[in-house]
Amino acid sequence: MFGMIGAALAVTMLLAVALSGSDEGSGLAIKSAKLAAAKAPHQSLKRMEKIYAKKEVMERMIDTATAGMSAKARKIADHIAARAQSLPSLAAMKTTKLQDADCANADTYTMIHGKFSGLLANLTSEKDTRFEQNKTTYSEKASSYTAWLNSESSYREAEARLETAESAVTYAQGEFDKYSTAVTAGEAAYAETIAPMAAEKTDLQEQENMIGEIMELINGMAAPASTKAQKQAKLAQISSKIKKLAADKKMPASLQAQAKKMTKITTSLTSLSASTVADAMQILEDMKSAITARISAIDAATTEADANLAADKASKLKWQVDVVELSNTADSERSSANTADLARQNLAGIYRVKENAYEDQAESYDEDMAQFSEEITGVTQIVAVIQTLLDAC
């Protein structure tokens, strides 16, 4: 309908001239065209092109409004249209007496009035539709733009969360690798140093026990109630144990030296003099103290190594669990980011479609609305003239 009705009534003054065949009107049009051509040739050419284009549209408009009318009715309609455009305004119609009202044509006036009233209703409806089209496409463009911006914001937030999650995975993996290396190194060091210490500790404990037995034997020899035979028997045991200690290659070198020293004074124990017993007991006490200190050192080193290795293993397990959990979180964030990316791309496409739809119709919106206003004004004048004629009857 826009194409058919178009700009038809925007040039109703020219229609009046074209349909009435008035020489005066034609002369004014020609005079105006010549004056405009003299002042602005290029603008005049464009204006004349518009005039002829509007004339053609107006003719189609009249054809539409009067379709199906008899030749007589069409002639009357053409005359009324020309007469309507000859009046300066609707207000002037109210004070201008129309001399050519032919009440014999009242039925024809009524029929023409209905035709042009229908045309006026159509034009008004199309103008409203055009207005709603502009309003709707603008609203859809604005809402799709807002939706797209929101989706962009959501995508950026999802990207930031994904980056944070991936950084957490990278950090956790680094910690897991660090403690895995620590555990491997700790187990190797444990096998190399701490494990042999356990065997050494067993030997030292045996040596410590033997020294304790030797000290008990010496004290037994020195007991007043001990008989000579008992003393001899104990001395034999002491001599055997000291030789065994001195021959023990697992004993530290410093202790072996003391054990050999002890073998030399074993023969002196037969006299059981106080100084001999004291010397022997001192050597044995020193050996026992050295062994006890070494056992304590082994225990401390083992405890520390066990604690360190256990801590490294616990940390390794913790970070192993964290890597799995954080990787799952990163996967979830990656999925969310991909979903957000697809959503924003989809909304960006919708926005481009809505924007193009708005821009396409907006290019001619002002011109269309102005044209509708002119057309409605022209048809309104025609309807008013017809109504005046009907009122005169």
Protein backbone atom coordinates (compact mmCIF):
# COMPACT_ATOMS: atom_id res chain seq x y z
CA MET A 1 0.00 0.00 0.00
CA PHE A 2 2.92 2.37 0.68
CA GLY A 3 3.96 2.12 -2.96
CA MET A 4 0.44 2.58 -4.27
CA ILE A 5 -0.63 5.40 -1.97
CA GLY A 6 2.89 6.73 -1.47
CA ALA A 7 3.38 10.41 -1.84
CA ALA A 8 0.14 10.89 -3.77
CA LEU A 9 -1.54 13.75 -2.01
CA ALA A 10 1.65 15.61 -1.09
CA VAL A 11 1.30 17.63 -4.30
CA THR A 12 -2.41 18.24 -4.29
CA MET A 13 -1.99 21.78 -5.56
CA LEU A 14 -0.51 20.40 -8.75
CA LEU A 15 -3.31 17.84 -8.93
CA ALA A 16 -5.85 20.64 -8.86
CA VAL A 17 -4.08 22.33 -11.73
CA ALA A 18 -3.77 19.10 -13.70
CA LEU A 19 -7.39 18.02 -13.24
CA SER A 20 -9.14 21.38 -13.48
CA GLY A 21 -7.48 22.42 -16.72
CA SER A 22 -7.40 25.99 -15.36
CA ASP A 23 -5.39 28.29 -17.60
CA GLU A 24 -4.72 30.50 -14.63
CA GLY A 25 -3.36 27.61 -12.63
CA SER A 26 -1.26 26.41 -15.55
CA GLY A 27 0.09 29.87 -16.10
CA LEU A 28 1.11 30.21 -12.48
CA ALA A 29 2.85 26.84 -12.57
CA ILE A 30 4.74 27.74 -15.74
CA LYS A 31 5.63 31.16 -14.42
CA SER A 32 6.88 29.68 -11.15
CA ALA A 33 8.91 27.07 -13.03
CA LYS A 34 10.51 29.71 -15.24
CA LEU A 35 11.35 31.92 -12.27
CA ALA A 36 12.92 29.01 -10.38
CA ALA A 37 14.85 27.96 -13.49
CA ALA A 38 16.25 31.44 -13.87
CA LYS A 39 17.44 31.53 -10.27
CA ALA A 40 18.67 28.00 -9.81
CA PRO A 41 18.81 25.82 -12.95
CA HIS A 42 19.93 22.66 -11.25
CA GLN A 43 17.46 22.94 -8.39
CA SER A 44 14.69 23.75 -10.81
CA LEU A 45 15.38 20.62 -12.81
CA LYS A 46 15.15 18.49 -9.69
CA ARG A 47 11.96 20.26 -8.58
CA MET A 48 10.32 19.72 -11.93
CA GLU A 49 11.23 16.03 -11.78
CA LYS A 50 9.54 15.83 -8.38
CA ILE A 51 6.48 17.69 -9.68
CA TYR A 52 5.95 15.27 -12.54
CA ALA A 53 6.62 12.29 -10.28
CA LYS A 54 4.06 13.52 -7.73
CA LYS A 55 1.59 14.20 -10.52
CA GLU A 56 1.85 10.58 -11.62
CA VAL A 57 1.42 9.37 -8.05
CA MET A 58 -1.59 11.62 -7.57
CA GLU A 59 -3.19 10.27 -10.70
CA ARG A 60 -2.74 6.76 -9.43
CA MET A 61 -4.20 7.88 -6.09
CA ILE A 62 -7.30 9.27 -7.73
CA ASP A 63 -7.59 6.10 -9.78
CA THR A 64 -7.50 4.07 -6.59
CA ALA A 65 -10.12 6.19 -4.81
CA THR A 66 -12.46 6.32 -7.78
CA ALA A 67 -12.02 2.77 -9.04
CA GLY A 68 -15.37 1.36 -10.19
CA MET A 69 -17.04 4.77 -10.47
CA SER A 70 -18.98 5.77 -13.54
CA ALA A 71 -17.46 8.32 -15.91
CA LYS A 72 -19.86 10.94 -14.56
CA ALA A 73 -18.93 10.19 -10.97
CA ARG A 74 -15.22 10.25 -11.87
CA LYS A 75 -15.62 13.65 -13.51
CA ILE A 76 -17.37 15.01 -10.44
CA ALA A 77 -14.66 13.56 -8.20
CA ASP A 78 -11.93 15.13 -10.32
CA HIS A 79 -13.67 18.48 -10.12
CA ILE A 80 -14.10 18.22 -6.35
CA ALA A 81 -10.40 17.35 -5.92
CA ALA A 82 -9.40 20.35 -8.00
CA ARG A 83 -11.80 22.59 -6.11
CA ALA A 84 -10.49 21.35 -2.74
CA GLN A 85 -6.96 22.29 -3.68
CA SER A 86 -7.98 25.74 -4.87
CA LEU A 87 -8.94 26.74 -1.33
CA PRO A 88 -6.13 28.07 0.88
CA SER A 89 -7.11 26.12 3.99
CA LEU A 90 -9.81 24.12 5.70
CA ALA A 91 -10.75 27.20 7.66
CA ALA A 92 -11.34 29.03 4.41
CA MET A 93 -13.80 26.33 3.35
CA LYS A 94 -16.02 27.16 6.32
CA THR A 95 -16.37 30.77 5.23
CA THR A 96 -16.47 30.17 1.47
CA LYS A 97 -19.82 29.65 -0.14
CA LEU A 98 -19.71 26.89 -2.72
CA GLN A 99 -21.82 27.91 -5.69
CA ASP A 100 -21.55 24.65 -7.59
CA ALA A 101 -23.32 22.25 -5.20
CA ASP A 102 -25.68 20.23 -7.37
CA CYS A 103 -28.03 18.43 -5.05
CA ALA A 104 -29.14 16.23 -7.89
CA ASN A 105 -25.72 14.61 -7.45
CA ALA A 106 -26.14 14.15 -3.70
CA ASP A 107 -26.00 10.37 -4.00
CA THR A 108 -22.85 10.68 -6.06
CA TYR A 109 -21.40 13.06 -3.48
CA THR A 110 -22.18 10.52 -0.78
CA MET A 111 -20.52 7.73 -2.73
CA ILE A 112 -17.42 9.86 -3.45
CA HIS A 113 -17.35 10.92 0.19
CA GLY A 114 -17.26 7.27 1.23
CA LYS A 115 -14.48 6.45 -1.21
CA PHE A 116 -12.23 9.28 -0.07
CA SER A 117 -13.13 8.71 3.59
CA GLY A 118 -12.00 5.09 3.14
CA LEU A 119 -8.80 6.31 1.51
CA LEU A 120 -8.24 8.70 4.42
CA ALA A 121 -8.73 5.85 6.90
CA ASN A 122 -6.26 3.71 4.97
CA LEU A 123 -3.67 6.49 4.88
CA THR A 124 -4.07 7.13 8.61
CA SER A 125 -3.73 3.40 9.32
CA GLU A 126 -0.65 3.12 7.11
CA LYS A 127 0.92 6.14 8.77
CA ASP A 128 0.31 4.56 12.17
CA THR A 129 1.74 1.28 10.86
CA ARG A 130 4.80 3.11 9.53
CA PHE A 131 5.25 4.81 12.88
CA GLU A 132 4.97 1.46 14.71
CA GLN A 133 7.43 -0.10 12.26
CA ASN A 134 10.02 2.54 13.10
CA LYS A 135 9.25 2.31 16.81
CA THR A 136 9.35 -1.50 16.85
CA THR A 137 12.56 -1.85 14.82
CA TYR A 138 14.23 0.77 17.01
CA SER A 139 13.08 -1.00 20.18
CA GLU A 140 14.24 -4.37 18.83
CA LYS A 141 17.59 -2.85 17.85
CA ALA A 142 18.01 -1.29 21.32
CA SER A 143 17.00 -4.43 23.21
CA SER A 144 19.19 -6.68 21.04
CA TYR A 145 22.09 -4.27 21.57
CA THR A 146 21.60 -4.42 25.34
CA ALA A 147 21.37 -8.22 25.22
CA TRP A 148 24.55 -8.38 23.15
CA LEU A 149 26.42 -6.06 25.55
CA ASN A 150 25.28 -8.16 28.50
CA SER A 151 26.43 -11.32 26.72
CA GLU A 152 29.80 -9.70 26.03
CA SER A 153 30.11 -8.86 29.73
CA SER A 154 29.15 -12.42 30.68
CA TYR A 155 31.71 -13.80 28.24
CA ARG A 156 34.50 -11.57 29.60
CA GLU A 157 33.63 -12.66 33.14
CA ALA A 158 33.64 -16.31 32.04
CA GLU A 159 37.02 -15.77 30.35
CA ALA A 160 38.41 -14.24 33.55
CA ARG A 161 37.15 -17.17 35.62
CA LEU A 162 38.65 -19.61 33.13
CA GLU A 163 42.00 -17.81 33.23
CA THR A 164 41.96 -17.92 37.04
CA ALA A 165 41.03 -21.63 37.02
CA GLU A 166 43.76 -22.47 34.50
CA SER A 167 46.33 -20.50 36.54
CA ALA A 168 45.29 -22.46 39.62
CA VAL A 169 45.77 -25.74 37.73
CA THR A 170 49.20 -24.63 36.52
CA TYR A 171 50.24 -23.67 40.04
CA ALA A 172 48.89 -26.90 41.55
CA GLN A 173 50.65 -28.97 38.87
CA GLY A 174 53.90 -27.17 39.65
CA GLU A 175 53.50 -27.93 43.36
CA PHE A 176 52.67 -31.55 42.64
CA ASP A 177 55.76 -31.89 40.43
CA LYS A 178 57.89 -30.24 43.13
CA TYR A 179 56.77 -32.63 45.84
CA SER A 180 56.93 -35.62 43.51
CA THR A 181 60.59 -34.77 42.94
CA ALA A 182 61.06 -34.27 46.69
CA VAL A 183 59.54 -37.68 47.47
CA THR A 184 61.66 -39.41 44.85
CA ALA A 185 64.82 -37.75 46.17
CA GLY A 186 63.79 -38.39 49.79
CA GLU A 187 63.19 -42.08 49.15
CA ALA A 188 66.53 -42.39 47.39
CA ALA A 189 68.32 -40.61 50.24
CA TYR A 190 66.48 -42.72 52.79
CA ALA A 191 67.53 -45.91 51.07
CA GLU A 192 71.12 -44.67 50.85
CA THR A 193 71.56 -43.29 54.37
CA ILE A 194 68.75 -44.07 56.80
CA ALA A 195 68.20 -47.74 55.88
CA PRO A 196 71.87 -48.66 56.56
CA MET A 197 71.61 -46.82 59.88
CA ALA A 198 68.96 -49.29 61.00
CA ALA A 199 71.43 -52.19 60.62
CA GLU A 200 74.10 -50.09 62.31
CA LYS A 201 71.76 -49.39 65.21
CA THR A 202 71.10 -53.12 65.65
CA ASP A 203 74.86 -53.79 65.82
CA LEU A 204 75.38 -50.92 68.25
CA GLN A 205 72.62 -52.19 70.51
CA GLU A 206 74.26 -55.64 70.58
CA GLN A 207 77.59 -54.03 71.40
CA GLU A 208 75.98 -51.89 74.08
CA ASN A 209 74.39 -54.96 75.64
CA MET A 210 77.73 -56.79 75.59
CA ILE A 211 79.47 -53.88 77.31
CA GLY A 212 76.73 -53.90 79.95
CA GLU A 213 77.32 -57.63 80.50
CA ILE A 214 81.10 -57.06 80.85
CA MET A 215 80.48 -54.35 83.43
CA GLU A 216 78.19 -56.68 85.40
CA LEU A 217 80.88 -59.41 85.30
CA ILE A 218 83.53 -57.00 86.59
CA ASN A 219 81.27 -55.92 89.41
CA GLY A 220 80.59 -59.60 90.20
CA MET A 221 84.32 -60.32 90.38
CA ALA A 222 84.78 -57.43 92.82
CA ALA A 223 82.01 -58.68 95.09
CA PRO A 224 83.44 -59.76 98.50
CA ALA A 225 81.50 -63.01 98.50
CA SER A 226 82.93 -64.10 95.17
CA THR A 227 85.16 -67.17 95.43
CA LYS A 228 88.38 -67.55 93.54
CA ALA A 229 86.84 -70.07 91.20
CA GLN A 230 83.96 -67.72 90.49
CA LYS A 231 86.36 -64.89 89.81
CA GLN A 232 88.31 -67.00 87.37
CA ALA A 233 85.17 -68.02 85.57
CA LYS A 234 83.95 -64.44 85.27
CA LEU A 235 87.38 -63.26 84.13
CA ALA A 236 87.31 -65.88 81.40
CA GLN A 237 83.92 -64.57 80.23
CA ILE A 238 85.16 -60.97 80.34
CA SER A 239 88.21 -61.84 78.29
CA SER A 240 86.07 -63.66 75.70
CA LYS A 241 83.60 -60.82 75.31
CA ILE A 242 86.29 -58.14 75.11
CA LYS A 243 88.08 -60.10 72.38
CA LYS A 244 84.80 -60.40 70.53
CA LEU A 245 84.26 -56.65 70.78
CA ALA A 246 87.78 -55.90 69.61
CA ALA A 247 87.32 -58.24 66.63
CA ASP A 248 83.94 -56.76 65.62
CA LYS A 249 84.57 -54.94 62.31
CA LYS A 250 81.17 -53.26 62.54
CA MET A 251 82.29 -51.34 65.58
CA PRO A 252 83.51 -47.79 64.92
CA ALA A 253 87.30 -47.50 64.77
CA SER A 254 87.48 -45.36 67.91
CA LEU A 255 85.59 -48.00 69.90
CA GLN A 256 87.73 -50.80 68.46
CA ALA A 257 90.80 -48.99 69.78
CA GLN A 258 89.27 -48.81 73.24
CA ALA A 259 88.26 -52.48 73.06
CA LYS A 260 91.88 -53.44 72.26
CA LYS A 261 93.00 -51.27 75.17
CA MET A 262 90.56 -53.15 77.31
CA THR A 263 92.13 -56.49 76.32
CA LYS A 264 95.46 -55.34 77.71
CA ILE A 265 94.12 -54.60 81.14
CA THR A 266 92.03 -57.75 81.31
CA THR A 267 94.97 -59.68 82.82
CA SER A 268 95.30 -56.99 85.49
CA LEU A 269 91.78 -57.67 86.65
CA THR A 270 93.02 -60.82 88.44
CA SER A 271 94.35 -58.61 91.19
CA LEU A 272 91.02 -56.75 91.38
CA SER A 273 92.74 -53.66 92.65
CA ALA A 274 90.53 -50.61 92.97
CA SER A 275 92.48 -48.69 90.34
CA THR A 276 92.38 -51.56 87.84
CA VAL A 277 88.63 -51.99 88.25
CA ALA A 278 88.11 -48.21 87.96
CA ASP A 279 90.20 -48.01 84.79
CA ALA A 280 88.32 -50.90 83.22
CA MET A 281 84.93 -49.51 84.19
CA GLN A 282 85.85 -46.03 82.83
CA ILE A 283 86.82 -47.44 79.46
CA LEU A 284 83.60 -49.42 79.28
CA GLU A 285 81.53 -46.38 80.36
CA ASP A 286 83.13 -44.28 77.63
CA MET A 287 82.41 -46.95 75.04
CA LYS A 288 78.83 -47.29 76.21
CA SER A 289 78.31 -43.51 76.19
CA ALA A 290 79.68 -43.27 72.64
CA ILE A 291 77.38 -46.07 71.49
CA THR A 292 74.36 -44.50 73.21
CA ALA A 293 75.12 -41.14 71.59
CA ARG A 294 75.42 -42.76 68.18
CA ILE A 295 72.13 -44.63 68.64
CA SER A 296 70.46 -41.34 69.66
CA ALA A 297 71.91 -39.66 66.57
CA ILE A 298 70.60 -42.49 64.36
CA ASP A 299 67.17 -42.24 65.99
CA ALA A 300 67.09 -38.45 65.49
CA ALA A 301 68.18 -38.72 61.86
CA THR A 302 65.63 -41.46 61.20
CA THR A 303 62.83 -39.53 62.89
CA GLU A 304 63.65 -36.39 60.90
CA ALA A 305 63.93 -38.30 57.64
CA ASP A 306 60.65 -40.11 58.32
CA ALA A 307 58.91 -36.83 59.13
CA ASN A 308 60.29 -35.06 56.07
CA LEU A 309 59.42 -37.92 53.75
CA ALA A 310 55.94 -38.24 55.25
CA ALA A 311 55.37 -34.49 54.87
CA ASP A 312 56.53 -34.55 51.26
CA LYS A 313 54.28 -37.54 50.53
CA ALA A 314 51.31 -35.81 52.19
CA SER A 315 51.96 -32.63 50.18
CA LYS A 316 52.32 -34.65 47.00
CA LEU A 317 48.99 -36.35 47.65
CA LYS A 318 47.31 -33.04 48.50
CA TRP A 319 48.47 -31.36 45.30
CA GLN A 320 47.60 -34.45 43.29
CA VAL A 321 44.02 -34.19 44.54
CA ASP A 322 44.04 -30.43 43.96
CA VAL A 323 45.24 -30.88 40.37
CA VAL A 324 42.32 -33.21 39.66
CA GLU A 325 39.73 -30.99 41.35
CA LEU A 326 41.08 -27.76 39.88
CA SER A 327 41.28 -29.37 36.43
CA ASN A 328 37.63 -30.32 36.75
CA THR A 329 36.83 -26.74 37.73
CA ALA A 330 38.83 -25.44 34.76
CA ASP A 331 36.98 -27.81 32.43
CA SER A 332 33.67 -26.53 33.79
CA GLU A 333 34.77 -22.90 33.37
CA ARG A 334 35.99 -23.67 29.84
CA SER A 335 32.62 -25.12 28.99
CA SER A 336 30.90 -22.06 30.45
CA ALA A 337 33.19 -19.74 28.49
CA ASN A 338 32.49 -21.63 25.26
CA THR A 339 28.76 -21.44 25.92
CA ALA A 340 29.02 -17.73 26.68
CA ASP A 341 31.06 -17.22 23.51
CA LEU A 342 28.43 -18.96 21.37
CA ALA A 343 25.69 -16.93 23.06
CA ARG A 344 27.44 -13.60 22.45
CA GLN A 345 28.14 -14.49 18.81
CA ASN A 346 24.50 -15.43 18.33
CA LEU A 347 23.31 -12.22 19.99
CA ALA A 348 25.81 -10.20 17.96
CA GLY A 349 24.29 -11.69 14.80
CA ILE A 350 20.77 -10.90 16.01
CA TYR A 351 21.84 -7.34 16.82
CA ARG A 352 23.31 -6.87 13.33
CA VAL A 353 20.06 -8.10 11.78
CA LYS A 354 17.96 -5.80 13.98
CA GLU A 355 20.31 -2.88 13.37
CA ASN A 356 20.15 -3.37 9.61
CA ALA A 357 16.37 -3.68 9.75
CA TYR A 358 16.12 -0.42 11.66
CA GLU A 359 18.61 1.44 9.47
CA ASP A 360 16.97 0.21 6.27
CA GLN A 361 13.57 1.59 7.22
CA ALA A 362 14.95 4.64 9.05
CA GLU A 363 16.52 5.99 5.86
CA SER A 364 13.09 6.90 4.50
CA TYR A 365 11.16 7.27 7.76
CA ASP A 366 11.13 11.10 7.96
CA GLU A 367 10.31 11.38 4.29
CA ASP A 368 7.57 8.74 4.58
CA MET A 369 5.97 10.40 7.60
CA ALA A 370 6.09 13.83 5.95
CA GLN A 371 4.54 12.35 2.82
CA PHE A 372 1.79 10.63 4.81
CA SER A 373 1.05 13.93 6.58
CA GLU A 374 0.75 15.76 3.26
CA GLU A 375 -1.39 13.01 1.79
CA ILE A 376 -3.68 12.93 4.80
CA THR A 377 -3.99 16.72 4.73
CA GLY A 378 -4.89 16.68 1.04
CA VAL A 379 -7.47 13.89 1.37
CA THR A 380 -8.89 15.59 4.46
CA GLN A 381 -9.46 18.73 2.37
CA ILE A 382 -11.19 16.72 -0.34
CA VAL A 383 -13.41 14.97 2.20
CA ALA A 384 -14.23 18.33 3.78
CA VAL A 385 -15.24 19.84 0.41
CA ILE A 386 -17.49 16.85 -0.30
CA GLN A 387 -19.03 17.16 3.16
CA THR A 388 -19.65 20.88 2.52
CA LEU A 389 -21.45 20.03 -0.70
CA LEU A 390 -23.52 17.42 1.11
CA ASP A 391 -24.32 19.90 3.85
CA ALA A 392 -25.43 22.42 1.23
CA CYS A 393 -28.00 19.96 -0.03
